[in-house]
Amino acid sequence: MILIGVTGWGDHDSLYTHNINSRDKIKEYAGYFPTVEVDSSFYAIQPKRNSERWVTDTPDSFQFIVKAYQGMTGHERGKILFQDKEEMFAAFKDSLQPYMDGNKLAMVLFQFPPWFDCKRQNVDYLRWCKEQMGDIPCALEFRHQSWFKPDYKDKTIQFMKEENWIHSICDEPQAGEGSIPVVLETAGQDKVLVRFHGRNVHGWQKKNAENWREVRYLYRYNKQELSEWAVHIKNLKKSCKTVFVVFNNNSGGDAADNAKQFIDLLNIKYKDLAPRQLNLF
């Protein structure tokens, strides 16, 4: 099974051709894609009432990839809102309950920052994170190249397998140590995650600019690039039950269009999407 979606559902204007309440966008989104990455959970641990509504408003087979809260992956720069990390993890896990009750939690995505490099202290922290999460499926994504240097690549993949992490494979700008190469290997036979961040090298490196968040993912994949990835996805599918694909290149609103184009390239016809509303005027 290959499940394709995008990051978030609120900012993809090409999907919503008529006036629609922001609370109802998830219903419309689910008429196009069978999965989504919840990124609001990165900025704040979401109240259960939100995830309960999202679970209710999507088809039974719909799957959520929930991004780990920023304090769990070392992104948080302000005041820690919890007494300690144990309390933070407990609160985050509690927020996942509606997804699990609805059988709609595909995985939790732990995306670590560019300064999280390959060293013993960080390996130990990854083990601790996995212990805290218990049986909840978790994907692991790095942003520091050291994890996939020739001397460590095989060891990194083996570590993921031993610790039961889902590998998050990235297509992203190759911009030195703060980016990782494409590593087309799965860490298990159940699930693998592929995330498309675009290939805007200039925007990727423009971290100190005032509008860096607006340009970082400014990129539109062309047909040839997507066709090359279609071959990769088919190969990954040979060794993994479910391949999740998420387009995150939405600085210019390209993610949804690329995701729909990719579905067509792979000739996928999803049968259990939500019914789409018709725009009569």
Protein backbone atom coordinates (compact mmCIF):
# COMPACT_ATOMS: atom_id res chain seq x y z
CA MET A 1 0.00 0.00 0.00
CA ILE A 2 1.22 3.50 -0.87
CA LEU A 3 -0.43 6.35 1.00
CA ILE A 4 0.26 9.87 -0.27
CA GLY A 5 -0.53 13.17 1.41
CA VAL A 6 0.90 16.52 2.47
CA THR A 7 1.95 18.36 5.60
CA GLY A 8 -1.05 19.98 7.26
CA TRP A 9 -4.36 20.65 5.55
CA GLY A 10 -5.04 24.34 6.16
CA ASP A 11 -2.74 26.09 3.69
CA HIS A 12 -3.27 24.18 0.46
CA ASP A 13 -5.45 26.67 -1.40
CA SER A 14 -5.58 24.65 -4.63
CA LEU A 15 -7.68 22.03 -2.84
CA TYR A 16 -10.37 24.46 -1.73
CA THR A 17 -11.94 26.07 -4.76
CA HIS A 18 -14.92 27.46 -2.84
CA ASN A 19 -15.41 29.27 0.44
CA ILE A 20 -14.96 26.80 3.25
CA ASN A 21 -14.76 27.13 7.00
CA SER A 22 -11.27 26.35 8.32
CA ARG A 23 -12.76 23.75 10.67
CA ASP A 24 -14.16 21.87 7.68
CA LYS A 25 -11.00 21.80 5.58
CA ILE A 26 -9.95 18.41 6.93
CA LYS A 27 -13.17 16.94 5.52
CA GLU A 28 -12.42 18.36 2.09
CA TYR A 29 -8.77 17.37 2.30
CA ALA A 30 -9.73 13.76 2.99
CA GLY A 31 -11.50 13.71 -0.37
CA TYR A 32 -8.10 13.95 -2.08
CA PHE A 33 -5.63 12.13 0.16
CA PRO A 34 -5.73 9.15 2.56
CA THR A 35 -3.11 10.48 4.99
CA VAL A 36 -1.77 13.74 6.42
CA GLU A 37 1.06 14.95 8.60
CA VAL A 38 -0.16 16.89 11.63
CA ASP A 39 2.40 19.66 12.11
CA SER A 40 0.46 21.74 14.66
CA SER A 41 1.51 19.17 17.27
CA PHE A 42 5.12 20.29 16.80
CA TYR A 43 4.37 23.82 18.02
CA ALA A 44 2.04 22.84 20.85
CA ILE A 45 0.71 19.61 22.30
CA GLN A 46 -2.82 19.61 20.95
CA PRO A 47 -5.88 19.28 23.18
CA LYS A 48 -7.77 16.06 22.70
CA ARG A 49 -10.85 17.89 21.46
CA ASN A 50 -8.93 18.81 18.30
CA SER A 51 -7.76 15.31 17.43
CA GLU A 52 -11.16 13.90 18.37
CA ARG A 53 -12.76 16.19 15.78
CA TRP A 54 -10.16 15.38 13.12
CA VAL A 55 -10.63 11.65 13.68
CA THR A 56 -14.40 12.03 13.44
CA ASP A 57 -14.21 14.15 10.28
CA THR A 58 -12.13 11.66 8.25
CA PRO A 59 -12.91 8.25 6.71
CA ASP A 60 -12.34 5.10 8.75
CA SER A 61 -9.16 4.19 6.87
CA PHE A 62 -7.59 7.67 7.08
CA GLN A 63 -4.14 7.79 8.70
CA PHE A 64 -2.46 10.57 10.70
CA ILE A 65 1.29 11.10 10.97
CA VAL A 66 1.67 13.21 14.11
CA LYS A 67 4.82 15.29 14.45
CA ALA A 68 6.47 15.09 17.86
CA TYR A 69 6.31 18.23 20.02
CA GLN A 70 9.37 20.47 19.57
CA GLY A 71 10.54 20.04 23.17
CA MET A 72 10.83 16.30 22.60
CA THR A 73 13.32 16.75 19.77
CA GLY A 74 15.38 19.64 21.12
CA HIS A 75 13.90 22.43 18.99
CA GLU A 76 12.33 24.35 21.86
CA ARG A 77 14.23 27.55 22.57
CA GLY A 78 11.92 29.25 25.04
CA LYS A 79 10.71 28.33 28.48
CA ILE A 80 10.00 24.64 29.02
CA LEU A 81 6.30 24.31 29.83
CA PHE A 82 6.70 21.06 31.73
CA GLN A 83 8.37 20.06 34.96
CA ASP A 84 10.62 17.61 33.12
CA LYS A 85 10.89 15.55 29.95
CA GLU A 86 8.95 12.66 31.46
CA GLU A 87 5.96 14.93 32.05
CA MET A 88 6.29 16.33 28.53
CA PHE A 89 6.29 12.90 26.93
CA ALA A 90 3.37 11.77 29.08
CA ALA A 91 1.29 14.78 28.03
CA PHE A 92 2.11 14.21 24.37
CA LYS A 93 1.24 10.52 24.52
CA ASP A 94 -2.06 11.36 26.21
CA SER A 95 -2.89 13.71 23.32
CA LEU A 96 -2.53 10.78 20.90
CA GLN A 97 -5.30 8.72 22.45
CA PRO A 98 -8.10 9.81 20.06
CA TYR A 99 -6.00 8.76 17.05
CA MET A 100 -5.28 5.40 18.62
CA ASP A 101 -8.87 4.85 19.69
CA GLY A 102 -9.93 5.47 16.09
CA ASN A 103 -7.16 3.22 14.70
CA LYS A 104 -5.88 6.22 12.75
CA LEU A 105 -2.39 6.78 14.15
CA ALA A 106 0.10 5.81 11.45
CA MET A 107 3.12 7.00 13.45
CA VAL A 108 4.69 9.79 15.45
CA LEU A 109 7.43 11.62 13.56
CA PHE A 110 10.54 12.56 15.51
CA GLN A 111 12.36 15.09 13.33
CA PHE A 112 15.62 16.12 14.95
CA PRO A 113 17.36 19.45 14.25
CA PRO A 114 20.57 20.04 12.28
CA TRP A 115 22.61 20.29 15.48
CA PHE A 116 21.57 16.80 16.63
CA ASP A 117 24.64 14.97 15.37
CA CYS A 118 25.82 11.39 15.59
CA LYS A 119 27.37 10.93 19.03
CA ARG A 120 26.88 8.66 22.04
CA GLN A 121 24.84 11.17 24.04
CA ASN A 122 22.31 11.53 21.23
CA VAL A 123 22.14 7.78 20.57
CA ASP A 124 21.32 7.30 24.25
CA TYR A 125 18.61 9.95 24.01
CA LEU A 126 17.03 8.18 21.03
CA ARG A 127 16.87 4.98 23.07
CA TRP A 128 15.28 6.91 25.94
CA CYS A 129 12.69 8.44 23.58
CA LYS A 130 11.73 5.02 22.28
CA GLU A 131 11.36 3.71 25.83
CA GLN A 132 9.07 6.61 26.69
CA MET A 133 6.89 6.02 23.63
CA GLY A 134 6.39 2.33 24.35
CA ASP A 135 4.52 0.48 21.60
CA ILE A 136 3.51 3.64 19.72
CA PRO A 137 5.00 3.49 16.18
CA CYS A 138 7.64 6.20 15.75
CA ALA A 139 9.52 7.48 12.71
CA LEU A 140 13.01 8.92 12.93
CA GLU A 141 14.30 11.75 10.73
CA PHE A 142 17.72 13.32 10.99
CA ARG A 143 18.94 16.68 9.72
CA HIS A 144 22.66 16.27 10.45
CA GLN A 145 24.70 14.53 7.78
CA SER A 146 26.93 12.71 10.26
CA TRP A 147 24.33 9.96 10.76
CA PHE A 148 24.79 8.87 7.15
CA LYS A 149 28.50 9.40 6.66
CA PRO A 150 30.10 6.28 5.09
CA ASP A 151 31.45 5.08 8.45
CA TYR A 152 28.06 5.35 10.18
CA LYS A 153 25.34 4.83 7.56
CA ASP A 154 24.99 1.07 8.00
CA LYS A 155 25.21 1.40 11.78
CA THR A 156 22.47 4.06 11.77
CA ILE A 157 20.10 1.87 9.77
CA GLN A 158 20.91 -1.13 11.96
CA PHE A 159 20.23 0.95 15.06
CA MET A 160 16.81 1.90 13.67
CA LYS A 161 16.03 -1.75 13.06
CA GLU A 162 17.13 -2.84 16.53
CA GLU A 163 15.21 -0.04 18.26
CA ASN A 164 12.14 -0.48 16.03
CA TRP A 165 12.20 3.01 14.51
CA ILE A 166 10.46 3.69 11.20
CA HIS A 167 12.93 5.26 8.77
CA SER A 168 11.94 8.71 7.48
CA ILE A 169 13.62 9.01 4.08
CA CYS A 170 14.06 12.58 2.87
CA ASP A 171 14.36 14.30 -0.46
CA GLU A 172 15.85 17.66 0.48
CA PRO A 173 18.45 20.21 -0.65
CA GLN A 174 22.00 18.95 -0.32
CA ALA A 175 23.44 21.81 1.68
CA GLY A 176 26.30 20.44 3.74
CA GLU A 177 26.11 19.06 7.27
CA GLY A 178 22.62 20.45 7.86
CA SER A 179 21.04 18.11 5.36
CA ILE A 180 20.97 14.37 4.77
CA PRO A 181 21.30 12.35 1.57
CA VAL A 182 18.58 10.14 0.16
CA VAL A 183 18.99 6.76 1.84
CA LEU A 184 16.63 4.30 0.19
CA GLU A 185 16.52 1.70 2.94
CA THR A 186 13.71 0.60 5.21
CA ALA A 187 14.17 -0.18 8.88
CA GLY A 188 11.37 -2.73 9.04
CA GLN A 189 8.85 -4.62 6.93
CA ASP A 190 5.77 -2.79 8.19
CA LYS A 191 6.12 0.93 7.43
CA VAL A 192 8.47 3.46 5.87
CA LEU A 193 8.03 7.22 5.53
CA VAL A 194 9.20 9.37 2.62
CA ARG A 195 9.12 13.17 2.99
CA PHE A 196 9.62 15.63 0.14
CA HIS A 197 11.11 18.92 1.34
CA GLY A 198 11.97 20.31 -2.09
CA ARG A 199 15.42 21.12 -3.47
CA ASN A 200 15.73 24.83 -2.82
CA VAL A 201 19.36 24.96 -1.66
CA HIS A 202 19.40 28.76 -1.35
CA GLY A 203 16.25 28.83 0.78
CA TRP A 204 17.43 25.91 2.90
CA GLN A 205 20.58 27.76 3.89
CA LYS A 206 18.85 31.11 4.45
CA LYS A 207 18.21 30.43 8.14
CA ASN A 208 18.91 33.91 9.47
CA ALA A 209 16.70 35.74 7.01
CA GLU A 210 13.48 37.24 8.33
CA ASN A 211 11.35 35.28 5.87
CA TRP A 212 13.31 32.01 5.93
CA ARG A 213 10.26 29.95 6.80
CA GLU A 214 8.51 31.28 3.69
CA VAL A 215 11.32 30.37 1.28
CA ARG A 216 12.78 27.24 2.86
CA TYR A 217 10.34 24.88 1.13
CA LEU A 218 9.81 26.96 -2.01
CA TYR A 219 10.13 24.33 -4.71
CA ARG A 220 7.95 22.57 -7.26
CA TYR A 221 8.99 19.09 -8.38
CA ASN A 222 8.89 18.54 -12.12
CA LYS A 223 7.58 15.43 -13.82
CA GLN A 224 11.01 13.91 -14.38
CA GLU A 225 11.93 14.26 -10.70
CA LEU A 226 8.64 12.71 -9.63
CA SER A 227 9.02 9.91 -12.19
CA GLU A 228 12.42 9.03 -10.74
CA TRP A 229 10.90 8.91 -7.29
CA ALA A 230 8.01 6.78 -8.51
CA VAL A 231 10.57 4.07 -9.29
CA HIS A 232 12.08 4.44 -5.81
CA ILE A 233 8.68 4.18 -4.14
CA LYS A 234 7.82 1.02 -6.06
CA ASN A 235 11.13 -0.51 -4.99
CA LEU A 236 10.52 0.43 -1.34
CA LYS A 237 7.10 -1.17 -1.58
CA LYS A 238 8.74 -4.51 -2.40
CA SER A 239 10.30 -4.66 1.06
CA CYS A 240 7.72 -2.81 3.12
CA LYS A 241 3.99 -3.30 3.65
CA THR A 242 3.02 0.39 3.65
CA VAL A 243 4.91 3.33 2.18
CA PHE A 244 3.78 6.72 3.49
CA VAL A 245 4.65 9.69 1.27
CA VAL A 246 4.32 13.29 2.46
CA PHE A 247 4.96 16.44 0.44
CA ASN A 248 6.27 19.30 2.56
CA ASN A 249 7.25 21.71 -0.26
CA ASN A 250 4.51 24.21 0.42
CA SER A 251 6.20 27.60 0.71
CA GLY A 252 4.71 28.38 -2.69
CA GLY A 253 1.64 26.18 -2.44
CA ASP A 254 3.15 23.35 -4.52
CA ALA A 255 2.76 20.41 -2.14
CA ALA A 256 -0.85 19.50 -2.89
CA ASP A 257 -0.39 19.76 -6.67
CA ASN A 258 2.76 17.64 -6.56
CA ALA A 259 1.05 15.07 -4.35
CA LYS A 260 -1.88 14.75 -6.76
CA GLN A 261 0.54 14.53 -9.68
CA PHE A 262 2.46 11.78 -7.89
CA ILE A 263 -0.73 9.79 -7.29
CA ASP A 264 -1.44 9.96 -11.03
CA LEU A 265 2.12 8.94 -11.92
CA LEU A 266 1.82 5.87 -9.72
CA ASN A 267 -1.63 5.18 -11.17
CA ILE A 268 -3.18 4.91 -7.71
CA LYS A 269 -6.97 4.98 -7.31
CA TYR A 270 -7.96 5.38 -3.67
CA LYS A 271 -11.39 3.86 -3.05
CA ASP A 272 -12.26 5.09 0.42
CA LEU A 273 -11.68 8.83 0.31
CA ALA A 274 -14.21 11.28 1.71
CA PRO A 275 -16.86 12.56 -0.71
CA ARG A 276 -15.89 15.91 -2.20
CA GLN A 277 -18.21 18.89 -2.05
CA LEU A 278 -19.18 20.31 -5.42
CA ASN A 279 -18.63 23.95 -6.27
CA LEU A 280 -21.63 24.88 -8.41
CA PHE A 281 -20.66 28.49 -9.08
